[in-house]
Amino acid sequence: MEIPIDKLWSQVLERLQLELSCPTFETWIKTASAKQLENNCLIICTPNLFT
């Protein structure tokens, strides 16, 4: 059974929010989005090259 990518990304975000400081999560992770799941690797996108 494959998990939908949006649900997987939501679970990743929940876990990272617990593991990272609030400023780190807000600055670097929260703005990213899941693009594709390929060969058991989750490919994410950021809003810009700096991020």
Foldseek 3Di string as FASTA:
>chain_A
DDDPQQVVLVVVLVVVPVVDDPVCCVPPPPQKGFDDQDPNDTDIDHPDPVD
